[in-house]
Amino acid sequence: MPNMNIRQLRDTRKLKAWLQAGKTVELRERDRIIARIVPAQQPQQAIKWPDFSARRKSIFGDRVLPGADLLIEERGRY
């Protein structure tokens, strides 16, 4: 793991290169670690969702479940 002392922080090119390479950099003061600079996480790729509509159709077919109709009727009571 690369490390720098406080005075070397002025050399931002080296620090930036290490962070862009995905390395964590230790910040030291007189051979004592005082901080770790961790690179930001890269944005993750978009998640590909399964086709829920096709899955529902394969399980239930063309049946219509009566639960929604009952819920609508019950809401009208209040």
Protein backbone atom coordinates (compact mmCIF):
# COMPACT_ATOMS: atom_id res chain seq x y z
CA MET A 1 0.00 0.00 0.00
CA PRO A 2 1.52 3.34 -0.99
CA ASN A 3 2.07 5.94 1.70
CA MET A 4 2.83 9.65 1.90
CA ASN A 5 3.72 12.06 4.62
CA ILE A 6 2.03 15.41 5.12
CA ARG A 7 4.60 17.36 3.10
CA GLN A 8 4.28 15.01 0.15
CA LEU A 9 0.56 15.79 -0.12
CA ARG A 10 1.55 18.80 -2.18
CA ASP A 11 2.37 16.36 -4.98
CA THR A 12 -1.26 15.82 -5.92
CA ARG A 13 -0.41 14.16 -9.23
CA LYS A 14 1.10 11.13 -7.52
CA LEU A 15 -1.77 10.91 -5.04
CA LYS A 16 -4.35 11.25 -7.81
CA ALA A 17 -2.65 8.55 -9.89
CA TRP A 18 -2.67 6.10 -6.99
CA LEU A 19 -6.32 6.79 -6.20
CA GLN A 20 -7.38 6.43 -9.84
CA ALA A 21 -5.57 3.08 -9.90
CA GLY A 22 -7.82 2.01 -7.03
CA LYS A 23 -5.11 1.98 -4.34
CA THR A 24 -5.66 3.06 -0.75
CA VAL A 25 -3.03 5.57 0.36
CA GLU A 26 -1.76 5.80 3.93
CA LEU A 27 -1.06 9.28 5.28
CA ARG A 28 1.79 9.26 7.79
CA GLU A 29 3.34 11.65 10.24
CA ARG A 30 6.74 10.57 11.54
CA ASP A 31 6.20 6.91 10.60
CA ARG A 32 2.83 6.83 12.34
CA ILE A 33 -0.31 6.26 10.26
CA ILE A 34 -2.76 9.08 10.88
CA ALA A 35 -5.21 8.46 8.03
CA ARG A 36 -6.06 6.31 5.04
CA ILE A 37 -7.31 7.89 1.85
CA VAL A 38 -9.64 5.47 0.13
CA PRO A 39 -10.64 5.88 -3.55
CA ALA A 40 -14.30 6.51 -4.28
CA GLN A 41 -16.25 3.54 -5.55
CA GLN A 42 -16.84 3.46 -9.26
CA PRO A 43 -20.49 3.61 -10.31
CA GLN A 44 -21.81 0.11 -10.67
CA GLN A 45 -23.37 -1.15 -13.86
CA ALA A 46 -27.13 -1.10 -14.18
CA ILE A 47 -28.87 -4.14 -12.74
CA LYS A 48 -30.71 -6.26 -15.26
CA TRP A 49 -34.06 -7.10 -13.72
CA PRO A 50 -35.86 -10.35 -14.54
CA ASP A 51 -39.03 -10.24 -16.62
CA PHE A 52 -41.58 -10.33 -13.79
CA SER A 53 -44.53 -10.11 -16.15
CA ALA A 54 -43.45 -13.25 -18.02
CA ARG A 55 -42.80 -15.05 -14.74
CA ARG A 56 -46.29 -14.15 -13.45
CA LYS A 57 -47.86 -15.31 -16.70
CA SER A 58 -45.99 -18.65 -16.53
CA ILE A 59 -47.24 -19.24 -12.97
CA PHE A 60 -50.82 -17.97 -13.15
CA GLY A 61 -51.58 -18.01 -16.86
CA ASP A 62 -54.47 -15.72 -17.83
CA ARG A 63 -56.26 -16.04 -14.49
CA VAL A 64 -57.30 -12.85 -12.77
CA LEU A 65 -56.94 -12.99 -9.02
CA PRO A 66 -59.95 -11.54 -7.18
CA GLY A 67 -57.90 -9.87 -4.42
CA ALA A 68 -57.78 -6.47 -6.07
CA ASP A 69 -61.54 -6.36 -6.56
CA LEU A 70 -62.13 -7.21 -2.89
CA LEU A 71 -59.73 -4.48 -1.82
CA ILE A 72 -61.50 -1.89 -3.96
CA GLU A 73 -64.87 -2.91 -2.48
CA GLU A 74 -63.53 -2.66 1.06
CA ARG A 75 -62.12 0.81 0.49
CA GLY A 76 -65.54 2.06 -0.53
CA ARG A 77 -66.97 1.25 2.91
CA TYR A 78 -64.99 3.94 4.70
